Amino acid sequence: MRRDMEAVIHQANLGREDEKIAQLYFVDKLPQVDVATELYLGRATVQRRLPGIMQRMRDTSSKLYS
């Protein structure tokens, strides 16, 4: 499962920062506030970016695993 999630994140072409957000949030299961602290971002920034990240990951996953 972890490997599949990492593959989707990598294949989604999220960009360096969004890829790191996705890695920390979805794979490492860190809460948004910890992701923000790790990347020197505000929690609101992480919260605002997550819906777009999730959509690109969903699109990529459906292409990879359908």
C-alpha atoms as a PDB file:
ATOM      1  CA  MET A   1       0.000   0.000   0.000  1.00  0.00           C
ATOM      2  CA  ARG A   2       2.770   2.452   0.945  1.00  0.00           C
ATOM      3  CA  ARG A   3       4.641   1.672  -2.274  1.00  0.00           C
ATOM      4  CA  ASP A   4       1.498   2.201  -4.353  1.00  0.00           C
ATOM      5  CA  MET A   5       0.855   5.555  -2.679  1.00  0.00           C
ATOM      6  CA  GLU A   6       4.455   6.640  -3.246  1.00  0.00           C
ATOM      7  CA  ALA A   7       4.204   5.628  -6.918  1.00  0.00           C
ATOM      8  CA  VAL A   8       1.005   7.630  -7.383  1.00  0.00           C
ATOM      9  CA  ILE A   9       2.563  10.666  -5.700  1.00  0.00           C
ATOM     10  CA  HIS A  10       5.624  10.446  -7.924  1.00  0.00           C
ATOM     11  CA  GLN A  11       3.659   9.881 -11.138  1.00  0.00           C
ATOM     12  CA  ALA A  12       1.230  12.741 -10.413  1.00  0.00           C
ATOM     13  CA  ASN A  13       3.893  15.364 -11.235  1.00  0.00           C
ATOM     14  CA  LEU A  14       2.922  17.473  -8.261  1.00  0.00           C
ATOM     15  CA  GLY A  15       6.044  19.587  -8.096  1.00  0.00           C
ATOM     16  CA  ARG A  16       8.665  19.360  -5.390  1.00  0.00           C
ATOM     17  CA  GLU A  17       6.785  21.083  -2.578  1.00  0.00           C
ATOM     18  CA  ASP A  18       3.367  19.498  -3.222  1.00  0.00           C
ATOM     19  CA  GLU A  19       5.022  16.100  -3.594  1.00  0.00           C
ATOM     20  CA  LYS A  20       6.629  16.561  -0.177  1.00  0.00           C
ATOM     21  CA  ILE A  21       3.264  17.639   1.301  1.00  0.00           C
ATOM     22  CA  ALA A  22       1.642  14.512  -0.149  1.00  0.00           C
ATOM     23  CA  GLN A  23       4.453  12.276   1.116  1.00  0.00           C
ATOM     24  CA  LEU A  24       4.303  13.612   4.655  1.00  0.00           C
ATOM     25  CA  TYR A  25       0.497  13.743   4.858  1.00  0.00           C
ATOM     26  CA  PHE A  26      -0.597  10.587   3.044  1.00  0.00           C
ATOM     27  CA  VAL A  27       2.363   8.234   3.450  1.00  0.00           C
ATOM     28  CA  ASP A  28       3.904   9.329   6.750  1.00  0.00           C
ATOM     29  CA  LYS A  29       0.443  10.195   8.192  1.00  0.00           C
ATOM     30  CA  LEU A  30       1.541  13.486   9.747  1.00  0.00           C
ATOM     31  CA  PRO A  31      -1.175  15.966  10.709  1.00  0.00           C
ATOM     32  CA  GLN A  32      -1.395  19.145   8.613  1.00  0.00           C
ATOM     33  CA  VAL A  33       0.216  21.282  11.303  1.00  0.00           C
ATOM     34  CA  ASP A  34       3.281  18.993  11.411  1.00  0.00           C
ATOM     35  CA  VAL A  35       3.531  18.925   7.610  1.00  0.00           C
ATOM     36  CA  ALA A  36       3.433  22.728   7.636  1.00  0.00           C
ATOM     37  CA  THR A  37       6.104  22.954  10.330  1.00  0.00           C
ATOM     38  CA  GLU A  38       8.362  20.484   8.514  1.00  0.00           C
ATOM     39  CA  LEU A  39       8.174  22.508   5.295  1.00  0.00           C
ATOM     40  CA  TYR A  40       8.181  25.990   6.893  1.00  0.00           C
ATOM     41  CA  LEU A  41       4.674  26.689   5.590  1.00  0.00           C
ATOM     42  CA  GLY A  42       1.498  27.821   7.298  1.00  0.00           C
ATOM     43  CA  ARG A  43      -1.063  25.170   8.151  1.00  0.00           C
ATOM     44  CA  ALA A  44      -3.608  27.093   6.076  1.00  0.00           C
ATOM     45  CA  THR A  45      -1.309  26.813   3.050  1.00  0.00           C
ATOM     46  CA  VAL A  46      -1.116  23.037   3.442  1.00  0.00           C
ATOM     47  CA  GLN A  47      -4.893  22.849   3.941  1.00  0.00           C
ATOM     48  CA  ARG A  48      -5.493  24.955   0.819  1.00  0.00           C
ATOM     49  CA  ARG A  49      -3.179  22.827  -1.341  1.00  0.00           C
ATOM     50  CA  LEU A  50      -4.435  19.394  -0.280  1.00  0.00           C
ATOM     51  CA  PRO A  51      -7.640  19.323  -2.377  1.00  0.00           C
ATOM     52  CA  GLY A  52      -5.677  19.960  -5.594  1.00  0.00           C
ATOM     53  CA  ILE A  53      -3.033  17.430  -4.608  1.00  0.00           C
ATOM     54  CA  MET A  54      -5.715  14.827  -3.873  1.00  0.00           C
ATOM     55  CA  GLN A  55      -7.432  15.473  -7.213  1.00  0.00           C
ATOM     56  CA  ARG A  56      -4.209  15.045  -9.185  1.00  0.00           C
ATOM     57  CA  MET A  57      -3.429  11.881  -7.204  1.00  0.00           C
ATOM     58  CA  ARG A  58      -6.944  10.511  -7.897  1.00  0.00           C
ATOM     59  CA  ASP A  59      -6.578  11.232 -11.615  1.00  0.00           C
ATOM     60  CA  THR A  60      -3.155   9.591 -11.707  1.00  0.00           C
ATOM     61  CA  SER A  61      -4.339   6.585  -9.709  1.00  0.00           C
ATOM     62  CA  SER A  62      -7.250   5.975 -12.038  1.00  0.00           C
ATOM     63  CA  LYS A  63      -4.867   6.017 -15.017  1.00  0.00           C
ATOM     64  CA  LEU A  64      -2.327   3.736 -13.343  1.00  0.00           C
ATOM     65  CA  TYR A  65      -4.711   1.177 -11.860  1.00  0.00           C
ATOM     66  CA  SER A  66      -7.683   0.991 -14.224  1.00  0.00           C
END
